[in-house]
Amino acid sequence: MRMLIVLPLAALIMCGGCKKPPSGERSAPIVPSREITQVMDAHVDELMAISGVVGVAIGALDDGTPCILVLVVNDSAGIRKSVPREIEGHPVKIEVTGEIRPMPGDSAR
């Protein structure tokens, strides 16, 4: 009789941690294997190839966490869908800057 009570109780206890995280959340953070500058350098060409992206830089999230900053002309659903939320474990932040043009008198190298 005790075995009939103990087995279901043990199963409930073991499965208590079996819940999936809510949609959009991760079960465990990805630990970056490379420094953020190396990751940005490796992915800058593919990010710049996205229509509407005008620059890529290193920035910071509101809490100070370093991130890959993707500068865009405008905030469109197409851009948000095309720019990844993270790259190799580093967060990506989109910042709307508008079009970026060189200042008069500046020469490209």
N, C-alpha and C. Protein backbone atom coordinates (compact mmCIF):
# COMPACT_ATOMS: atom_id res chain seq x y z
N MET A 1 0.81 -1.19 0.00
CA MET A 1 0.00 0.00 0.00
C MET A 1 0.87 1.27 0.00
N ARG A 2 1.93 1.26 0.80
CA ARG A 2 2.83 2.42 0.84
C ARG A 2 3.45 2.67 -0.52
N MET A 3 3.79 1.62 -1.24
CA MET A 3 4.42 1.74 -2.54
C MET A 3 3.48 2.46 -3.51
N LEU A 4 2.19 2.25 -3.41
CA LEU A 4 1.22 2.89 -4.28
C LEU A 4 1.17 4.39 -4.04
N ILE A 5 1.43 4.83 -2.85
CA ILE A 5 1.41 6.25 -2.52
C ILE A 5 2.76 6.89 -2.84
N VAL A 6 3.84 6.20 -2.55
CA VAL A 6 5.18 6.74 -2.72
C VAL A 6 5.53 6.95 -4.20
N LEU A 7 5.21 6.02 -5.08
CA LEU A 7 5.57 6.14 -6.48
C LEU A 7 4.94 7.36 -7.15
N PRO A 8 3.64 7.59 -7.03
CA PRO A 8 3.08 8.80 -7.65
C PRO A 8 3.64 10.09 -7.03
N LEU A 9 3.89 10.07 -5.74
CA LEU A 9 4.45 11.24 -5.07
C LEU A 9 5.87 11.51 -5.59
N ALA A 10 6.67 10.49 -5.75
CA ALA A 10 8.03 10.64 -6.27
C ALA A 10 8.00 11.17 -7.70
N ALA A 11 7.06 10.69 -8.50
CA ALA A 11 6.94 11.15 -9.88
C ALA A 11 6.57 12.63 -9.92
N LEU A 12 5.70 13.06 -9.03
CA LEU A 12 5.32 14.48 -8.97
C LEU A 12 6.50 15.35 -8.57
N ILE A 13 7.27 14.90 -7.62
CA ILE A 13 8.42 15.66 -7.15
C ILE A 13 9.47 15.77 -8.26
N MET A 14 9.74 14.67 -8.95
CA MET A 14 10.76 14.67 -10.00
C MET A 14 10.34 15.53 -11.18
N CYS A 15 9.07 15.59 -11.50
CA CYS A 15 8.61 16.36 -12.66
C CYS A 15 8.34 17.81 -12.32
N GLY A 16 8.50 18.21 -11.09
CA GLY A 16 8.28 19.59 -10.71
C GLY A 16 9.16 20.55 -11.49
N GLY A 17 10.34 20.15 -11.85
CA GLY A 17 11.25 20.99 -12.63
C GLY A 17 11.18 20.72 -14.12
N CYS A 18 10.19 19.98 -14.57
CA CYS A 18 10.10 19.60 -15.97
C CYS A 18 9.31 20.61 -16.81
N LYS A 19 8.88 21.70 -16.22
CA LYS A 19 8.09 22.67 -16.97
C LYS A 19 8.96 23.34 -18.02
N LYS A 20 8.35 23.64 -19.16
CA LYS A 20 9.05 24.41 -20.19
C LYS A 20 9.01 25.87 -19.77
N PRO A 21 10.05 26.63 -20.11
CA PRO A 21 10.00 28.05 -19.79
C PRO A 21 8.92 28.72 -20.62
N PRO A 22 8.33 29.81 -20.13
CA PRO A 22 7.31 30.51 -20.90
C PRO A 22 7.86 30.93 -22.26
N SER A 23 6.98 31.06 -23.23
CA SER A 23 7.37 31.43 -24.58
C SER A 23 8.24 32.68 -24.56
N GLY A 24 9.34 32.63 -25.31
CA GLY A 24 10.24 33.77 -25.37
C GLY A 24 11.33 33.76 -24.32
N GLU A 25 11.23 32.88 -23.33
CA GLU A 25 12.27 32.80 -22.30
C GLU A 25 13.14 31.59 -22.56
N ARG A 26 14.36 31.66 -22.08
CA ARG A 26 15.28 30.55 -22.21
C ARG A 26 15.38 29.79 -20.91
N SER A 27 15.73 28.52 -21.02
CA SER A 27 15.92 27.74 -19.81
C SER A 27 17.28 28.04 -19.19
N ALA A 28 18.29 28.35 -20.01
CA ALA A 28 19.62 28.68 -19.49
C ALA A 28 20.28 29.64 -20.45
N PRO A 29 21.00 30.63 -19.94
CA PRO A 29 21.65 31.59 -20.83
C PRO A 29 22.80 30.95 -21.59
N ILE A 30 23.03 31.44 -22.80
CA ILE A 30 24.16 30.98 -23.60
C ILE A 30 25.38 31.77 -23.16
N VAL A 31 26.45 31.08 -22.87
CA VAL A 31 27.69 31.74 -22.46
C VAL A 31 28.52 31.98 -23.71
N PRO A 32 28.83 33.25 -23.99
CA PRO A 32 29.61 33.55 -25.19
C PRO A 32 30.98 32.88 -25.15
N SER A 33 31.40 32.37 -26.30
CA SER A 33 32.71 31.71 -26.36
C SER A 33 33.79 32.65 -26.87
N ARG A 34 33.37 33.78 -27.51
CA ARG A 34 34.34 34.75 -28.01
C ARG A 34 33.98 36.14 -27.48
N GLU A 35 34.97 37.00 -27.44
CA GLU A 35 34.73 38.37 -27.00
C GLU A 35 33.81 39.08 -27.96
N ILE A 36 33.07 40.05 -27.45
CA ILE A 36 32.05 40.73 -28.24
C ILE A 36 32.63 41.42 -29.48
N THR A 37 33.84 41.97 -29.37
CA THR A 37 34.44 42.64 -30.54
C THR A 37 34.75 41.64 -31.64
N GLN A 38 35.21 40.45 -31.26
CA GLN A 38 35.48 39.41 -32.25
C GLN A 38 34.19 38.96 -32.94
N VAL A 39 33.14 38.82 -32.17
CA VAL A 39 31.85 38.39 -32.72
C VAL A 39 31.30 39.46 -33.65
N MET A 40 31.36 40.73 -33.23
CA MET A 40 30.87 41.81 -34.09
C MET A 40 31.66 41.84 -35.39
N ASP A 41 32.97 41.77 -35.30
CA ASP A 41 33.81 41.80 -36.50
C ASP A 41 33.48 40.65 -37.46
N ALA A 42 33.18 39.49 -36.90
CA ALA A 42 32.87 38.32 -37.72
C ALA A 42 31.50 38.42 -38.41
N HIS A 43 30.61 39.23 -37.86
CA HIS A 43 29.23 39.29 -38.38
C HIS A 43 28.85 40.65 -38.97
N VAL A 44 29.77 41.61 -38.99
CA VAL A 44 29.43 42.95 -39.45
C VAL A 44 28.95 42.95 -40.91
N ASP A 45 29.58 42.19 -41.77
CA ASP A 45 29.18 42.18 -43.19
C ASP A 45 27.75 41.67 -43.38
N GLU A 46 27.39 40.59 -42.67
CA GLU A 46 26.02 40.07 -42.82
C GLU A 46 24.99 41.02 -42.22
N LEU A 47 25.35 41.72 -41.13
CA LEU A 47 24.43 42.69 -40.55
C LEU A 47 24.26 43.90 -41.47
N MET A 48 25.36 44.39 -42.02
CA MET A 48 25.29 45.54 -42.92
C MET A 48 24.55 45.21 -44.23
N ALA A 49 24.47 43.95 -44.57
CA ALA A 49 23.75 43.53 -45.79
C ALA A 49 22.23 43.58 -45.61
N ILE A 50 21.75 43.72 -44.38
CA ILE A 50 20.32 43.79 -44.12
C ILE A 50 19.82 45.18 -44.54
N SER A 51 18.79 45.21 -45.35
CA SER A 51 18.22 46.47 -45.82
C SER A 51 17.77 47.31 -44.64
N GLY A 52 18.25 48.56 -44.60
CA GLY A 52 17.88 49.47 -43.52
C GLY A 52 18.93 49.61 -42.43
N VAL A 53 19.93 48.71 -42.42
CA VAL A 53 21.01 48.80 -41.44
C VAL A 53 22.06 49.77 -41.97
N VAL A 54 22.44 50.76 -41.15
CA VAL A 54 23.41 51.76 -41.56
C VAL A 54 24.71 51.73 -40.75
N GLY A 55 24.77 50.87 -39.74
CA GLY A 55 25.98 50.78 -38.95
C GLY A 55 25.90 49.68 -37.91
N VAL A 56 27.07 49.27 -37.42
CA VAL A 56 27.18 48.24 -36.38
C VAL A 56 28.27 48.71 -35.43
N ALA A 57 28.01 48.58 -34.14
CA ALA A 57 28.96 49.04 -33.13
C ALA A 57 28.81 48.21 -31.86
N ILE A 58 29.68 48.47 -30.90
CA ILE A 58 29.54 47.89 -29.57
C ILE A 58 28.80 48.92 -28.72
N GLY A 59 27.77 48.48 -28.03
CA GLY A 59 27.00 49.36 -27.17
C GLY A 59 26.74 48.69 -25.84
N ALA A 60 25.70 49.14 -25.16
CA ALA A 60 25.34 48.57 -23.87
C ALA A 60 23.82 48.58 -23.72
N LEU A 61 23.32 47.55 -23.06
CA LEU A 61 21.90 47.49 -22.72
C LEU A 61 21.65 48.47 -21.58
N ASP A 62 20.39 48.67 -21.22
CA ASP A 62 20.04 49.58 -20.13
C ASP A 62 20.71 49.21 -18.81
N ASP A 63 20.97 47.90 -18.60
CA ASP A 63 21.60 47.47 -17.35
C ASP A 63 23.13 47.47 -17.41
N GLY A 64 23.68 47.96 -18.52
CA GLY A 64 25.14 48.04 -18.66
C GLY A 64 25.78 46.85 -19.34
N THR A 65 25.02 45.82 -19.63
CA THR A 65 25.55 44.63 -20.31
C THR A 65 26.01 45.01 -21.71
N PRO A 66 27.25 44.67 -22.09
CA PRO A 66 27.71 44.96 -23.45
C PRO A 66 26.82 44.25 -24.48
N CYS A 67 26.62 44.92 -25.61
CA CYS A 67 25.80 44.33 -26.67
C CYS A 67 26.35 44.76 -28.02
N ILE A 68 25.89 44.06 -29.05
CA ILE A 68 26.18 44.46 -30.42
C ILE A 68 25.05 45.41 -30.81
N LEU A 69 25.41 46.62 -31.16
CA LEU A 69 24.45 47.66 -31.48
C LEU A 69 24.29 47.72 -33.00
N VAL A 70 23.06 47.56 -33.46
CA VAL A 70 22.77 47.63 -34.89
C VAL A 70 22.00 48.92 -35.14
N LEU A 71 22.61 49.82 -35.89
CA LEU A 71 22.03 51.12 -36.18
C LEU A 71 21.18 51.01 -37.45
N VAL A 72 19.93 51.48 -37.37
CA VAL A 72 19.00 51.32 -38.49
C VAL A 72 18.37 52.66 -38.86
N VAL A 73 17.91 52.73 -40.11
CA VAL A 73 17.28 53.93 -40.64
C VAL A 73 15.94 54.17 -39.95
N ASN A 74 15.14 53.11 -39.80
CA ASN A 74 13.83 53.25 -39.16
C ASN A 74 13.46 51.95 -38.45
N ASP A 75 12.44 52.04 -37.65
CA ASP A 75 11.99 50.88 -36.88
C ASP A 75 10.86 50.20 -37.65
N SER A 76 11.23 49.21 -38.46
CA SER A 76 10.21 48.50 -39.25
C SER A 76 10.18 47.03 -38.84
N ALA A 77 9.04 46.42 -39.10
CA ALA A 77 8.89 45.00 -38.77
C ALA A 77 9.89 44.16 -39.56
N GLY A 78 10.18 44.56 -40.79
CA GLY A 78 11.14 43.83 -41.62
C GLY A 78 12.54 43.83 -41.03
N ILE A 79 12.95 44.99 -40.53
CA ILE A 79 14.28 45.09 -39.91
C ILE A 79 14.30 44.27 -38.63
N ARG A 80 13.29 44.42 -37.78
CA ARG A 80 13.25 43.68 -36.51
C ARG A 80 13.26 42.17 -36.75
N LYS A 81 12.62 41.74 -37.84
CA LYS A 81 12.59 40.31 -38.15
C LYS A 81 13.95 39.83 -38.68
N SER A 82 14.66 40.69 -39.38
CA SER A 82 15.93 40.30 -40.01
C SER A 82 17.13 40.36 -39.07
N VAL A 83 17.08 41.25 -38.09
CA VAL A 83 18.22 41.40 -37.16
C VAL A 83 18.03 40.40 -36.02
N PRO A 84 19.04 39.54 -35.79
CA PRO A 84 18.90 38.56 -34.70
C PRO A 84 18.89 39.22 -33.32
N ARG A 85 18.26 38.56 -32.35
CA ARG A 85 18.21 39.09 -30.98
C ARG A 85 19.54 38.90 -30.26
N GLU A 86 20.30 37.92 -30.69
CA GLU A 86 21.63 37.69 -30.12
C GLU A 86 22.48 37.00 -31.16
N ILE A 87 23.78 37.17 -31.00
CA ILE A 87 24.74 36.53 -31.90
C ILE A 87 25.81 35.89 -31.03
N GLU A 88 25.98 34.60 -31.17
CA GLU A 88 26.99 33.85 -30.41
C GLU A 88 26.93 34.14 -28.91
N GLY A 89 25.73 34.29 -28.38
CA GLY A 89 25.56 34.50 -26.95
C GLY A 89 25.60 35.95 -26.51
N HIS A 90 25.89 36.88 -27.42
CA HIS A 90 25.91 38.30 -27.09
C HIS A 90 24.58 38.93 -27.52
N PRO A 91 23.97 39.75 -26.64
CA PRO A 91 22.71 40.38 -27.02
C PRO A 91 22.91 41.40 -28.13
N VAL A 92 21.87 41.59 -28.93
CA VAL A 92 21.88 42.57 -30.01
C VAL A 92 20.79 43.59 -29.71
N LYS A 93 21.15 44.85 -29.83
CA LYS A 93 20.20 45.94 -29.60
C LYS A 93 20.07 46.75 -30.89
N ILE A 94 18.83 47.04 -31.27
CA ILE A 94 18.58 47.86 -32.45
C ILE A 94 18.37 49.30 -31.99
N GLU A 95 19.06 50.22 -32.66
CA GLU A 95 18.89 51.64 -32.34
C GLU A 95 18.59 52.40 -33.64
N VAL A 96 17.49 53.13 -33.62
CA VAL A 96 17.10 53.91 -34.80
C VAL A 96 17.90 55.21 -34.81
N THR A 97 18.68 55.42 -35.88
CA THR A 97 19.50 56.61 -36.01
C THR A 97 19.09 57.45 -37.21
N GLY A 98 18.31 56.87 -38.10
CA GLY A 98 18.05 57.54 -39.37
C GLY A 98 19.22 57.29 -40.29
N GLU A 99 19.20 57.98 -41.41
CA GLU A 99 20.27 57.81 -42.38
C GLU A 99 21.54 58.46 -41.85
N ILE A 100 22.67 57.84 -42.07
CA ILE A 100 23.96 58.38 -41.63
C ILE A 100 24.71 58.83 -42.87
N ARG A 101 25.13 60.11 -42.86
CA ARG A 101 25.87 60.67 -44.00
C ARG A 101 27.15 61.31 -43.47
N PRO A 102 28.19 61.33 -44.28
CA PRO A 102 29.42 62.00 -43.85
C PRO A 102 29.19 63.51 -43.76
N MET A 103 29.89 64.15 -42.85
CA MET A 103 29.79 65.60 -42.71
C MET A 103 30.51 66.25 -43.89
N PRO A 104 30.06 67.43 -44.28
CA PRO A 104 30.76 68.14 -45.36
C PRO A 104 32.23 68.33 -44.99
N GLY A 105 33.08 68.08 -45.96
CA GLY A 105 34.52 68.21 -45.73
C GLY A 105 35.20 66.94 -45.28
N ASP A 106 34.41 65.95 -44.81
CA ASP A 106 35.00 64.66 -44.44
C ASP A 106 35.28 63.88 -45.70
N SER A 107 36.44 63.26 -45.75
CA SER A 107 36.74 62.42 -46.90
C SER A 107 36.85 60.97 -46.46
N ALA A 108 36.34 60.10 -47.29
CA ALA A 108 36.43 58.66 -46.99
C ALA A 108 37.85 58.21 -47.21
N ARG A 109 38.29 57.31 -46.38
CA ARG A 109 39.66 56.81 -46.53
C ARG A 109 39.72 55.69 -47.52
